[in-house]
N, C-alpha and C. Protein backbone atom coordinates (compact mmCIF):
# COMPACT_ATOMS: atom_id res chain seq x y z
N MET A 1 -16.23 -8.60 7.51
CA MET A 1 -15.10 -9.34 7.56
C MET A 1 -14.14 -9.11 8.90
N ASP A 2 -13.74 -9.97 9.62
CA ASP A 2 -12.86 -9.77 10.85
C ASP A 2 -11.49 -10.23 10.38
N THR A 3 -10.60 -10.24 11.42
CA THR A 3 -9.23 -10.71 10.98
C THR A 3 -9.04 -12.26 10.76
N THR A 4 -10.04 -13.09 11.31
CA THR A 4 -10.08 -14.32 11.04
C THR A 4 -9.80 -14.79 9.64
N ARG A 5 -10.57 -14.12 8.80
CA ARG A 5 -10.42 -14.57 7.28
C ARG A 5 -9.04 -13.86 6.75
N LEU A 6 -8.70 -12.98 7.38
CA LEU A 6 -7.44 -12.24 6.95
C LEU A 6 -6.15 -13.32 7.28
N PHE A 7 -6.25 -13.80 8.44
CA PHE A 7 -5.18 -14.73 8.92
C PHE A 7 -5.28 -16.00 8.07
N ASP A 8 -6.42 -16.39 7.66
CA ASP A 8 -6.44 -17.70 6.86
C ASP A 8 -5.72 -17.44 5.45
N TYR A 9 -5.77 -16.32 4.94
CA TYR A 9 -4.98 -15.82 3.83
C TYR A 9 -3.53 -15.90 3.94
N PHE A 10 -3.04 -15.48 5.27
CA PHE A 10 -1.72 -15.35 5.47
C PHE A 10 -1.42 -16.29 6.86
N PRO A 11 -1.31 -17.53 6.48
CA PRO A 11 -1.19 -18.54 7.79
C PRO A 11 0.24 -18.56 8.39
N GLU A 12 1.14 -17.76 7.82
CA GLU A 12 2.49 -17.65 8.34
C GLU A 12 2.61 -16.57 9.30
N LEU A 13 1.63 -15.78 9.64
CA LEU A 13 1.72 -14.71 10.55
C LEU A 13 2.19 -15.09 11.90
N THR A 14 2.96 -14.34 12.53
CA THR A 14 3.52 -14.59 13.90
C THR A 14 2.51 -13.91 14.86
N GLU A 15 2.47 -14.39 16.25
CA GLU A 15 1.49 -13.86 17.11
C GLU A 15 1.62 -12.28 17.32
N ARG A 16 2.85 -11.85 17.20
CA ARG A 16 2.96 -10.37 17.16
C ARG A 16 2.24 -9.51 15.98
N GLN A 17 2.44 -10.12 14.76
CA GLN A 17 1.75 -9.65 13.51
C GLN A 17 0.37 -9.68 13.91
N LYS A 18 -0.22 -10.70 14.31
CA LYS A 18 -1.71 -10.84 14.49
C LYS A 18 -2.16 -9.74 15.56
N GLU A 19 -1.40 -9.74 16.54
CA GLU A 19 -1.84 -8.65 17.62
C GLU A 19 -1.82 -7.21 16.75
N GLN A 20 -0.88 -6.94 16.06
CA GLN A 20 -0.79 -5.67 15.48
C GLN A 20 -2.02 -5.37 14.32
N TYR A 21 -2.39 -6.44 13.74
CA TYR A 21 -3.42 -6.30 12.78
C TYR A 21 -4.71 -6.18 13.63
N ASN A 22 -4.88 -6.97 14.55
CA ASN A 22 -6.10 -6.98 15.37
C ASN A 22 -6.23 -5.50 16.16
N HIS A 23 -5.23 -4.85 16.34
CA HIS A 23 -5.26 -3.55 16.96
C HIS A 23 -5.60 -2.41 16.00
N LEU A 24 -5.53 -2.75 14.77
CA LEU A 24 -5.59 -1.49 13.75
C LEU A 24 -7.00 -0.87 13.63
N LYS A 25 -8.00 -1.78 13.70
CA LYS A 25 -9.28 -1.14 13.48
C LYS A 25 -9.68 -0.24 14.73
N ASP A 26 -9.51 -0.59 15.75
CA ASP A 26 -9.72 0.26 16.98
C ASP A 26 -9.13 1.59 16.81
N LEU A 27 -7.75 1.45 16.59
CA LEU A 27 -6.97 2.76 16.26
C LEU A 27 -7.56 3.69 15.26
N TYR A 28 -8.00 2.97 14.25
CA TYR A 28 -8.45 3.83 13.08
C TYR A 28 -9.79 4.40 13.47
N LEU A 29 -10.65 3.52 14.17
CA LEU A 29 -11.90 4.11 14.73
C LEU A 29 -11.87 5.38 15.49
N ASP A 30 -10.81 5.20 16.36
CA ASP A 30 -10.49 6.26 17.22
C ASP A 30 -10.07 7.56 16.74
N TRP A 31 -9.04 7.53 15.68
CA TRP A 31 -8.52 8.59 14.90
C TRP A 31 -9.54 9.20 14.01
N ASN A 32 -10.37 8.30 13.27
CA ASN A 32 -11.32 8.64 12.43
C ASN A 32 -12.38 9.63 12.94
N ALA A 33 -12.55 9.57 14.21
CA ALA A 33 -13.51 10.19 14.97
C ALA A 33 -13.04 11.83 15.12
N LYS A 34 -11.75 11.85 15.08
CA LYS A 34 -11.17 13.19 15.08
C LYS A 34 -10.68 13.74 13.86
N ILE A 35 -10.08 12.85 12.98
CA ILE A 35 -9.63 13.36 11.58
C ILE A 35 -10.10 12.30 10.76
N ASN A 36 -10.95 12.55 9.68
CA ASN A 36 -11.47 11.91 8.77
C ASN A 36 -10.55 11.30 7.67
N VAL A 37 -9.82 10.16 7.86
CA VAL A 37 -8.88 9.59 7.05
C VAL A 37 -9.59 8.38 6.15
N ILE A 38 -10.70 7.77 6.61
CA ILE A 38 -11.24 6.66 6.10
C ILE A 38 -12.82 7.00 6.02
N SER A 39 -13.48 6.92 4.77
CA SER A 39 -14.97 7.11 4.98
C SER A 39 -15.64 6.38 6.00
N ARG A 40 -16.51 7.02 6.74
CA ARG A 40 -17.17 6.38 7.73
C ARG A 40 -17.86 5.05 7.44
N LYS A 41 -18.54 5.14 6.22
CA LYS A 41 -19.27 3.97 5.74
C LYS A 41 -18.25 2.81 5.63
N ASP A 42 -16.98 3.16 5.05
CA ASP A 42 -15.93 2.13 4.69
C ASP A 42 -15.51 1.35 5.91
N MET A 43 -15.45 2.03 7.22
CA MET A 43 -14.99 1.53 8.36
C MET A 43 -15.64 0.12 8.71
N GLU A 44 -16.78 -0.09 8.25
CA GLU A 44 -17.65 -1.27 8.54
C GLU A 44 -16.93 -2.55 7.84
N GLN A 45 -16.22 -2.02 6.73
CA GLN A 45 -15.56 -3.20 5.95
C GLN A 45 -13.91 -2.97 6.14
N PHE A 46 -13.44 -2.57 7.13
CA PHE A 46 -12.15 -1.94 7.28
C PHE A 46 -11.23 -2.94 6.89
N TYR A 47 -11.28 -4.27 7.50
CA TYR A 47 -10.23 -5.30 7.12
C TYR A 47 -10.21 -5.76 5.64
N GLU A 48 -11.43 -5.88 5.17
CA GLU A 48 -11.54 -6.22 3.64
C GLU A 48 -11.02 -5.15 2.82
N HIS A 49 -11.68 -3.92 2.80
CA HIS A 49 -11.50 -2.80 1.81
C HIS A 49 -10.11 -2.19 2.01
N HIS A 50 -9.38 -2.33 3.23
CA HIS A 50 -8.30 -1.63 3.44
C HIS A 50 -7.01 -2.26 3.73
N VAL A 51 -7.19 -3.33 4.77
CA VAL A 51 -5.96 -4.06 5.15
C VAL A 51 -5.75 -5.30 4.12
N LEU A 52 -6.75 -5.93 3.85
CA LEU A 52 -6.56 -7.11 2.91
C LEU A 52 -6.26 -6.59 1.53
N HIS A 53 -7.01 -5.50 1.07
CA HIS A 53 -6.68 -4.89 -0.29
C HIS A 53 -5.17 -4.58 -0.36
N SER A 54 -4.66 -3.81 0.63
CA SER A 54 -3.37 -3.42 0.68
C SER A 54 -2.41 -4.74 0.57
N LEU A 55 -2.75 -5.82 1.04
CA LEU A 55 -2.01 -6.97 1.14
C LEU A 55 -1.98 -7.76 -0.15
N ALA A 56 -2.63 -7.38 -1.06
CA ALA A 56 -2.66 -7.97 -2.50
C ALA A 56 -1.23 -7.75 -2.96
N ILE A 57 -0.64 -6.51 -2.79
CA ILE A 57 0.80 -6.42 -3.24
C ILE A 57 1.62 -7.43 -2.61
N ALA A 58 1.46 -8.00 -1.46
CA ALA A 58 2.33 -8.93 -0.84
C ALA A 58 2.18 -10.45 -1.42
N LYS A 59 0.93 -10.63 -1.94
CA LYS A 59 0.79 -11.78 -2.69
C LYS A 59 1.32 -11.76 -4.15
N TYR A 60 1.35 -10.57 -4.61
CA TYR A 60 1.99 -10.52 -5.89
C TYR A 60 3.54 -10.51 -5.87
N PHE A 61 4.01 -9.89 -4.82
CA PHE A 61 5.40 -9.69 -4.73
C PHE A 61 5.96 -9.71 -3.42
N GLU A 62 7.14 -10.46 -3.21
CA GLU A 62 7.63 -10.56 -1.77
C GLU A 62 8.61 -9.43 -1.64
N LEU A 63 8.40 -8.61 -0.70
CA LEU A 63 9.18 -7.59 -0.29
C LEU A 63 10.39 -8.13 0.73
N LEU A 64 11.61 -7.99 0.17
CA LEU A 64 12.80 -8.59 0.85
C LEU A 64 13.41 -7.82 1.94
N PRO A 65 14.01 -8.41 3.05
CA PRO A 65 14.81 -7.66 3.93
C PRO A 65 15.62 -6.71 3.37
N GLY A 66 15.59 -5.50 3.91
CA GLY A 66 16.57 -4.56 3.35
C GLY A 66 16.03 -3.83 2.23
N MET A 67 15.06 -4.12 1.52
CA MET A 67 14.40 -3.36 0.44
C MET A 67 13.99 -1.96 1.01
N LYS A 68 13.90 -1.02 0.19
CA LYS A 68 13.40 0.28 0.63
C LYS A 68 12.00 0.38 -0.18
N VAL A 69 11.01 0.82 0.47
CA VAL A 69 9.70 0.95 -0.16
C VAL A 69 9.13 2.39 0.07
N MET A 70 8.71 3.04 -0.89
CA MET A 70 7.93 4.32 -0.73
C MET A 70 6.59 4.22 -0.97
N ASP A 71 5.66 4.50 -0.06
CA ASP A 71 4.25 4.45 -0.07
C ASP A 71 3.76 6.02 -0.53
N LEU A 72 3.53 6.08 -1.72
CA LEU A 72 3.46 7.59 -2.16
C LEU A 72 1.83 7.91 -2.16
N GLY A 73 1.47 8.97 -1.46
CA GLY A 73 0.14 9.28 -1.34
C GLY A 73 -0.56 8.39 -0.40
N THR A 74 0.07 7.92 0.76
CA THR A 74 -0.30 6.87 1.62
C THR A 74 -1.53 7.18 2.37
N GLY A 75 -2.04 8.43 2.44
CA GLY A 75 -3.44 8.71 3.04
C GLY A 75 -3.29 8.44 4.54
N GLY A 76 -4.08 7.60 5.09
CA GLY A 76 -4.09 7.02 6.43
C GLY A 76 -3.16 5.93 6.63
N GLY A 77 -2.40 5.52 5.60
CA GLY A 77 -1.37 4.46 5.79
C GLY A 77 -1.61 3.24 4.95
N PHE A 78 -2.11 3.32 3.90
CA PHE A 78 -2.58 2.24 3.13
C PHE A 78 -2.01 2.47 1.55
N PRO A 79 -1.25 1.39 0.99
CA PRO A 79 -1.04 0.24 1.60
C PRO A 79 0.12 -0.06 2.54
N GLY A 80 0.68 1.08 2.87
CA GLY A 80 2.06 1.02 3.64
C GLY A 80 1.89 0.34 4.99
N ILE A 81 1.01 0.66 5.88
CA ILE A 81 1.07 0.07 7.19
C ILE A 81 0.74 -1.47 7.19
N PRO A 82 -0.27 -2.03 6.56
CA PRO A 82 -0.38 -3.32 6.42
C PRO A 82 0.84 -4.05 5.95
N LEU A 83 1.49 -3.52 5.01
CA LEU A 83 2.56 -4.10 4.28
C LEU A 83 3.90 -4.19 5.27
N ALA A 84 3.89 -3.13 6.15
CA ALA A 84 5.09 -2.92 6.96
C ALA A 84 4.83 -3.98 8.08
N ILE A 85 3.68 -4.17 8.42
CA ILE A 85 3.35 -5.29 9.51
C ILE A 85 3.85 -6.69 8.96
N LEU A 86 3.55 -6.88 7.76
CA LEU A 86 3.83 -8.17 7.26
C LEU A 86 5.37 -8.37 6.82
N PHE A 87 6.18 -7.33 6.57
CA PHE A 87 7.53 -7.29 6.15
C PHE A 87 8.30 -6.41 7.26
N PRO A 88 8.46 -6.95 8.43
CA PRO A 88 9.20 -6.07 9.46
C PRO A 88 10.63 -5.77 9.06
N GLN A 89 11.33 -6.60 8.34
CA GLN A 89 12.57 -6.33 7.85
C GLN A 89 12.95 -5.39 6.62
N THR A 90 11.82 -5.03 6.12
CA THR A 90 11.84 -4.07 5.01
C THR A 90 11.41 -2.58 5.44
N GLU A 91 12.22 -1.64 4.85
CA GLU A 91 12.19 -0.27 5.11
C GLU A 91 10.91 0.38 4.44
N PHE A 92 10.17 1.10 5.21
CA PHE A 92 8.89 1.64 4.52
C PHE A 92 9.07 3.26 4.70
N TYR A 93 8.83 4.02 3.75
CA TYR A 93 8.77 5.45 3.79
C TYR A 93 7.57 6.02 3.18
N LEU A 94 6.54 6.44 4.13
CA LEU A 94 5.18 6.68 3.79
C LEU A 94 5.14 8.28 3.78
N ILE A 95 4.69 8.69 2.60
CA ILE A 95 4.45 10.16 2.41
C ILE A 95 3.19 10.46 1.97
N ASP A 96 2.58 11.69 2.33
CA ASP A 96 1.36 12.21 1.85
C ASP A 96 1.49 13.76 1.88
N GLY A 97 0.65 14.49 1.07
CA GLY A 97 0.76 15.87 0.93
C GLY A 97 -0.26 16.54 2.03
N THR A 98 -0.93 15.66 2.77
CA THR A 98 -1.97 16.27 3.85
C THR A 98 -1.39 15.95 5.16
N GLY A 99 -0.84 16.94 5.99
CA GLY A 99 -0.23 16.68 7.12
C GLY A 99 -1.12 16.03 8.17
N LYS A 100 -2.41 16.20 8.33
CA LYS A 100 -3.23 15.59 9.30
C LYS A 100 -3.29 14.01 9.12
N LYS A 101 -3.06 13.75 7.87
CA LYS A 101 -3.18 12.23 7.61
C LYS A 101 -1.89 11.51 8.08
N ILE A 102 -0.82 12.24 7.95
CA ILE A 102 0.56 11.74 8.32
C ILE A 102 0.69 11.66 9.86
N LYS A 103 -0.24 12.63 10.54
CA LYS A 103 -0.38 12.57 11.97
C LYS A 103 -0.82 11.21 12.38
N VAL A 104 -1.94 10.84 11.74
CA VAL A 104 -2.64 9.45 12.12
C VAL A 104 -1.65 8.26 11.76
N VAL A 105 -1.02 8.29 10.67
CA VAL A 105 -0.06 7.38 10.46
C VAL A 105 0.94 7.22 11.41
N ASN A 106 1.60 8.37 11.91
CA ASN A 106 2.59 8.26 12.89
C ASN A 106 2.17 7.78 14.24
N ALA A 107 0.77 8.15 14.66
CA ALA A 107 0.14 7.64 15.79
C ALA A 107 -0.18 6.33 15.81
N VAL A 108 -0.57 5.80 14.74
CA VAL A 108 -0.90 4.39 14.45
C VAL A 108 0.48 3.48 14.54
N LYS A 109 1.37 3.88 13.78
CA LYS A 109 2.74 2.89 13.84
C LYS A 109 3.33 3.00 15.16
N ASP A 110 3.22 4.12 15.92
CA ASP A 110 3.80 4.12 17.19
C ASP A 110 3.01 3.20 18.31
N ALA A 111 1.75 3.18 18.11
CA ALA A 111 0.81 2.45 18.97
C ALA A 111 1.02 0.97 18.75
N ILE A 112 1.26 0.52 17.54
CA ILE A 112 1.57 -0.95 17.42
C ILE A 112 2.90 -1.20 17.39
N GLY A 113 3.88 -0.27 17.48
CA GLY A 113 5.26 -0.52 17.72
C GLY A 113 5.99 -1.03 16.30
N LEU A 114 5.65 -0.28 15.27
CA LEU A 114 6.27 -0.43 13.97
C LEU A 114 7.55 0.35 13.87
N GLU A 115 8.72 -0.45 13.74
CA GLU A 115 9.91 0.35 13.85
C GLU A 115 10.55 0.39 12.54
N ASN A 116 9.87 -0.18 11.42
CA ASN A 116 10.50 0.03 10.19
C ASN A 116 9.71 0.93 9.04
N VAL A 117 9.02 1.90 9.85
CA VAL A 117 8.22 2.83 9.13
C VAL A 117 8.65 4.29 9.56
N VAL A 118 8.96 5.05 8.49
CA VAL A 118 9.08 6.61 8.62
C VAL A 118 8.00 7.24 7.94
N ALA A 119 7.15 8.18 8.40
CA ALA A 119 6.21 8.81 7.68
C ALA A 119 6.34 10.25 7.75
N GLU A 120 6.21 11.03 6.74
CA GLU A 120 6.38 12.43 6.65
C GLU A 120 5.35 13.04 5.77
N HIS A 121 5.06 14.29 6.25
CA HIS A 121 4.36 15.23 5.42
C HIS A 121 5.16 15.77 4.15
N LYS A 122 4.92 15.27 3.09
CA LYS A 122 5.97 15.63 2.00
C LYS A 122 5.37 15.17 0.74
N ARG A 123 5.57 16.14 -0.40
CA ARG A 123 5.24 15.68 -1.78
C ARG A 123 6.27 14.78 -2.46
N ALA A 124 5.87 13.96 -3.36
CA ALA A 124 6.86 13.16 -4.08
C ALA A 124 8.01 14.03 -4.66
N GLU A 125 7.62 15.18 -5.29
CA GLU A 125 8.70 15.92 -5.95
C GLU A 125 9.90 16.44 -4.93
N GLU A 126 9.54 16.40 -3.67
CA GLU A 126 10.67 16.82 -2.68
C GLU A 126 11.49 15.56 -2.22
N VAL A 127 11.11 14.45 -2.63
CA VAL A 127 11.87 13.21 -2.29
C VAL A 127 12.94 13.04 -3.07
N LYS A 128 14.22 12.99 -2.57
CA LYS A 128 15.40 12.83 -3.47
C LYS A 128 15.92 11.29 -3.46
N ASP A 129 15.56 10.48 -2.53
CA ASP A 129 16.05 9.18 -2.46
C ASP A 129 15.59 8.21 -3.59
N LYS A 130 16.14 7.08 -3.62
CA LYS A 130 15.81 6.18 -4.63
C LYS A 130 15.32 4.95 -3.87
N PHE A 131 14.25 4.16 -4.52
CA PHE A 131 13.47 2.97 -3.76
C PHE A 131 13.47 1.80 -4.71
N ASP A 132 13.37 0.64 -3.92
CA ASP A 132 13.32 -0.57 -4.77
C ASP A 132 11.77 -0.65 -5.37
N VAL A 133 10.97 -0.32 -4.39
CA VAL A 133 9.63 -0.51 -4.69
C VAL A 133 8.82 0.79 -4.44
N ILE A 134 7.80 1.20 -5.27
CA ILE A 134 6.95 2.25 -4.85
C ILE A 134 5.64 1.88 -4.90
N THR A 135 4.71 2.01 -3.83
CA THR A 135 3.38 1.57 -3.81
C THR A 135 2.34 2.74 -3.74
N GLY A 136 1.22 2.46 -4.04
CA GLY A 136 0.03 3.38 -3.79
C GLY A 136 -1.20 2.90 -4.23
N ARG A 137 -2.10 3.56 -3.84
CA ARG A 137 -3.61 3.01 -4.04
C ARG A 137 -4.62 4.06 -4.66
N ALA A 138 -4.80 4.01 -5.92
CA ALA A 138 -5.80 4.76 -6.66
C ALA A 138 -6.01 6.33 -6.25
N VAL A 139 -4.90 6.90 -6.04
CA VAL A 139 -4.87 8.29 -5.68
C VAL A 139 -4.72 9.20 -6.93
N MET A 140 -4.17 8.53 -7.96
CA MET A 140 -3.76 9.32 -9.14
C MET A 140 -3.94 8.32 -10.38
N THR A 141 -3.94 8.62 -11.62
CA THR A 141 -3.91 7.81 -12.70
C THR A 141 -2.68 6.99 -12.82
N LEU A 142 -2.73 6.01 -13.58
CA LEU A 142 -1.34 5.20 -13.94
C LEU A 142 -0.42 6.16 -14.62
N PRO A 143 -0.65 6.87 -15.64
CA PRO A 143 0.37 7.67 -16.24
C PRO A 143 1.04 8.65 -15.20
N GLU A 144 0.02 9.21 -14.33
CA GLU A 144 0.67 10.16 -13.35
C GLU A 144 1.54 9.59 -12.40
N ILE A 145 1.29 8.33 -11.96
CA ILE A 145 2.22 7.83 -10.99
C ILE A 145 3.51 7.35 -11.68
N ALA A 146 3.36 7.02 -12.88
CA ALA A 146 4.66 6.58 -13.72
C ALA A 146 5.45 7.65 -13.85
N ASN A 147 4.83 9.04 -14.24
CA ASN A 147 5.74 10.10 -14.42
C ASN A 147 6.24 10.62 -13.01
N LEU A 148 5.49 10.50 -11.97
CA LEU A 148 5.91 11.13 -10.83
C LEU A 148 6.85 10.42 -10.09
N ALA A 149 6.81 9.03 -10.32
CA ALA A 149 7.72 8.17 -9.42
C ALA A 149 8.84 7.45 -10.27
N GLY A 150 8.77 7.57 -11.52
CA GLY A 150 9.70 6.76 -12.43
C GLY A 150 11.14 7.05 -12.06
N ASN A 151 11.56 8.21 -11.79
CA ASN A 151 12.86 8.75 -11.63
C ASN A 151 13.27 8.35 -9.94
N LYS A 152 12.39 7.78 -9.25
CA LYS A 152 12.79 7.37 -7.88
C LYS A 152 12.93 5.91 -7.60
N LEU A 153 12.94 5.08 -8.66
CA LEU A 153 13.21 3.76 -8.67
C LEU A 153 14.83 3.44 -8.90
N ARG A 154 15.40 2.64 -7.89
CA ARG A 154 16.72 2.46 -7.99
C ARG A 154 17.19 1.60 -9.26
N ILE A 155 16.08 0.76 -9.54
CA ILE A 155 16.21 -0.19 -10.82
C ILE A 155 15.18 -0.14 -11.73
N ARG A 156 15.28 0.15 -12.99
CA ARG A 156 14.25 0.09 -13.90
C ARG A 156 14.45 -1.13 -14.87
N GLY A 157 13.28 -1.73 -15.26
CA GLY A 157 13.38 -2.61 -16.26
C GLY A 157 13.58 -4.08 -15.90
N ASP A 158 13.53 -4.24 -14.50
CA ASP A 158 13.78 -5.67 -14.12
C ASP A 158 12.52 -6.10 -13.07
N ALA A 159 11.60 -6.79 -13.44
CA ALA A 159 10.46 -7.02 -12.73
C ALA A 159 10.86 -7.75 -11.35
N GLU A 160 11.92 -8.43 -11.27
CA GLU A 160 12.20 -9.12 -10.03
C GLU A 160 12.98 -8.15 -8.94
N ALA A 161 13.38 -6.96 -9.54
CA ALA A 161 13.99 -6.07 -8.70
C ALA A 161 13.04 -5.09 -7.94
N GLY A 162 11.91 -4.98 -8.54
CA GLY A 162 10.82 -4.12 -7.88
C GLY A 162 10.24 -3.35 -8.87
N GLY A 163 9.95 -2.00 -8.71
CA GLY A 163 9.20 -1.13 -9.49
C GLY A 163 7.92 -0.46 -8.88
N ILE A 164 6.90 -0.09 -9.74
CA ILE A 164 5.82 0.57 -9.13
C ILE A 164 4.84 -0.45 -8.96
N MET A 165 4.23 -0.54 -7.87
CA MET A 165 3.14 -1.61 -7.65
C MET A 165 1.87 -0.80 -7.05
N TYR A 166 0.83 -0.57 -7.96
CA TYR A 166 -0.17 0.25 -7.77
C TYR A 166 -1.51 -0.67 -7.67
N LEU A 167 -2.40 -0.27 -6.66
CA LEU A 167 -3.49 -0.93 -6.70
C LEU A 167 -4.69 -0.06 -7.21
N LYS A 168 -5.48 -0.63 -8.25
CA LYS A 168 -6.36 0.35 -9.05
C LYS A 168 -7.37 -0.50 -9.50
N GLY A 169 -8.61 -0.23 -9.70
CA GLY A 169 -9.80 -0.87 -10.05
C GLY A 169 -10.42 -0.38 -11.44
N GLY A 170 -11.33 -1.16 -11.87
CA GLY A 170 -12.00 -0.70 -12.98
C GLY A 170 -11.33 -1.07 -14.31
N ASP A 171 -11.90 -0.52 -15.39
CA ASP A 171 -11.46 -0.60 -16.72
C ASP A 171 -10.09 0.23 -16.87
N LEU A 172 -8.96 -0.26 -17.08
CA LEU A 172 -7.74 0.45 -16.87
C LEU A 172 -7.29 0.57 -18.43
N THR A 173 -7.95 0.22 -19.34
CA THR A 173 -7.34 0.05 -20.84
C THR A 173 -7.04 1.42 -21.16
N GLU A 174 -7.72 2.47 -20.99
CA GLU A 174 -7.24 3.83 -21.54
C GLU A 174 -5.99 4.42 -20.69
N GLU A 175 -6.04 4.05 -19.43
CA GLU A 175 -4.94 4.62 -18.64
C GLU A 175 -3.56 3.94 -19.08
N ILE A 176 -3.66 2.65 -19.26
CA ILE A 176 -2.53 1.90 -19.52
C ILE A 176 -2.13 2.29 -20.90
N SER A 177 -2.98 2.69 -21.96
CA SER A 177 -2.51 2.99 -23.18
C SER A 177 -1.73 4.34 -23.18
N LYS A 178 -1.93 5.07 -22.22
CA LYS A 178 -1.34 6.53 -22.14
C LYS A 178 -0.11 6.52 -21.27
N ILE A 179 0.31 5.29 -20.88
CA ILE A 179 1.75 5.28 -20.13
C ILE A 179 2.90 5.16 -21.24
N ASN A 180 3.88 5.74 -20.89
CA ASN A 180 5.05 5.87 -21.72
C ASN A 180 5.55 4.50 -22.32
N ARG A 181 5.90 4.33 -23.46
CA ARG A 181 6.04 2.99 -23.94
C ARG A 181 7.28 2.37 -23.45
N TYR A 182 8.29 3.11 -22.76
CA TYR A 182 9.49 2.46 -22.39
C TYR A 182 9.08 1.70 -20.98
N TRP A 183 8.02 1.86 -20.48
CA TRP A 183 7.52 0.98 -19.28
C TRP A 183 7.08 -0.54 -19.73
N HIS A 184 7.55 -1.47 -18.91
CA HIS A 184 6.99 -2.68 -18.94
C HIS A 184 5.75 -2.79 -17.99
N ILE A 185 4.78 -3.38 -18.29
CA ILE A 185 3.38 -3.40 -17.53
C ILE A 185 2.89 -4.70 -17.41
N LYS A 186 2.55 -5.09 -16.06
CA LYS A 186 1.91 -6.29 -15.78
C LYS A 186 0.50 -5.96 -15.06
N LYS A 187 -0.55 -6.47 -15.25
CA LYS A 187 -1.76 -6.15 -14.69
C LYS A 187 -2.36 -7.53 -14.12
N VAL A 188 -2.31 -7.71 -12.85
CA VAL A 188 -2.73 -8.91 -12.19
C VAL A 188 -4.03 -8.72 -11.26
N PRO A 189 -5.12 -9.52 -11.54
CA PRO A 189 -6.32 -9.38 -10.83
C PRO A 189 -6.24 -9.85 -9.32
N VAL A 190 -6.70 -8.99 -8.53
CA VAL A 190 -6.63 -9.24 -7.01
C VAL A 190 -7.51 -10.50 -6.64
N GLY A 191 -8.49 -10.86 -7.47
CA GLY A 191 -9.23 -11.92 -7.36
C GLY A 191 -8.61 -13.40 -7.43
N ARG A 192 -7.37 -13.18 -8.02
CA ARG A 192 -6.55 -14.41 -8.12
C ARG A 192 -6.15 -14.96 -6.72
N TRP A 193 -6.04 -14.01 -5.73
CA TRP A 193 -5.69 -14.46 -4.35
C TRP A 193 -6.90 -14.27 -3.38
N PHE A 194 -7.95 -13.40 -3.58
CA PHE A 194 -8.85 -13.18 -2.58
C PHE A 194 -10.19 -13.30 -3.24
N LYS A 195 -11.00 -14.02 -2.60
CA LYS A 195 -12.30 -14.60 -3.22
C LYS A 195 -13.51 -13.60 -2.99
N GLU A 196 -13.40 -12.60 -2.29
CA GLU A 196 -14.48 -11.78 -1.91
C GLU A 196 -14.85 -10.93 -2.97
N ASP A 197 -16.25 -10.67 -3.23
CA ASP A 197 -16.79 -10.06 -4.24
C ASP A 197 -16.18 -8.64 -4.53
N TYR A 198 -15.75 -8.13 -3.42
CA TYR A 198 -15.24 -6.59 -3.42
C TYR A 198 -13.97 -6.59 -4.30
N PHE A 199 -13.28 -7.68 -4.51
CA PHE A 199 -12.09 -7.63 -5.28
C PHE A 199 -12.19 -7.97 -6.87
N GLU A 200 -13.56 -8.14 -7.26
CA GLU A 200 -13.67 -8.25 -8.68
C GLU A 200 -13.47 -6.95 -9.29
N GLU A 201 -12.57 -6.88 -10.31
CA GLU A 201 -12.39 -5.71 -11.20
C GLU A 201 -11.28 -4.88 -10.28
N LYS A 202 -10.51 -5.49 -9.51
CA LYS A 202 -9.38 -4.78 -8.82
C LYS A 202 -8.13 -5.34 -9.12
N PHE A 203 -7.15 -4.63 -9.37
CA PHE A 203 -5.82 -5.26 -9.90
C PHE A 203 -4.51 -4.62 -9.14
N VAL A 204 -3.59 -5.43 -9.21
CA VAL A 204 -2.27 -4.86 -8.87
C VAL A 204 -1.63 -4.72 -10.30
N VAL A 205 -1.26 -3.44 -10.62
CA VAL A 205 -0.51 -3.03 -11.73
C VAL A 205 0.98 -2.69 -11.49
N HIS A 206 1.74 -3.57 -12.01
CA HIS A 206 3.11 -3.47 -11.75
C HIS A 206 3.94 -2.81 -13.02
N LEU A 207 4.56 -1.73 -12.81
CA LEU A 207 5.17 -0.92 -13.65
C LEU A 207 6.73 -1.03 -13.46
N PHE A 208 7.59 -1.41 -14.39
CA PHE A 208 8.98 -1.61 -14.22
C PHE A 208 9.75 -1.44 -15.41
């Protein structure tokens, strides 16, 4: 998959946004040769497995100008970087416990001129700020992300205000059953928006 299909799913993109997305693969190929942030095999499907997958959150929820978003355990910058390109008026804070990954994130965001992203080598427990939305992608279980990030949300209990929006695949029945009962939970299949086979059994899980 190249960016043509990606742009079909997001026809409202500006020329600048298209340039930024087009530039991503070469940047990650270059950095991946030095610091392994994406599996080499996965790079062949970079736009489908990483960029488009990240943007499933955008199909589910519009991030408004002025909102503050924390991407927890961002790794090489997913879903944070693709979302930050799409929502240039939204503030993004990307953190990861591995310093070399944040080095890559900062290099990528500087290379494409993303001015709405701050990326730091930090653990979630060290973050004191509150956020409208917290994102992540399959780096921990749903109960773990709920426990870790719940006290960092500016508003709880209002789906339209934000919440935790987590990308996860497979049978999530057991994980969801272990989430504390004071959470509201929505599980939306990514296949609702994207028709590629890769997205079967992948979900946006919204905790609020």
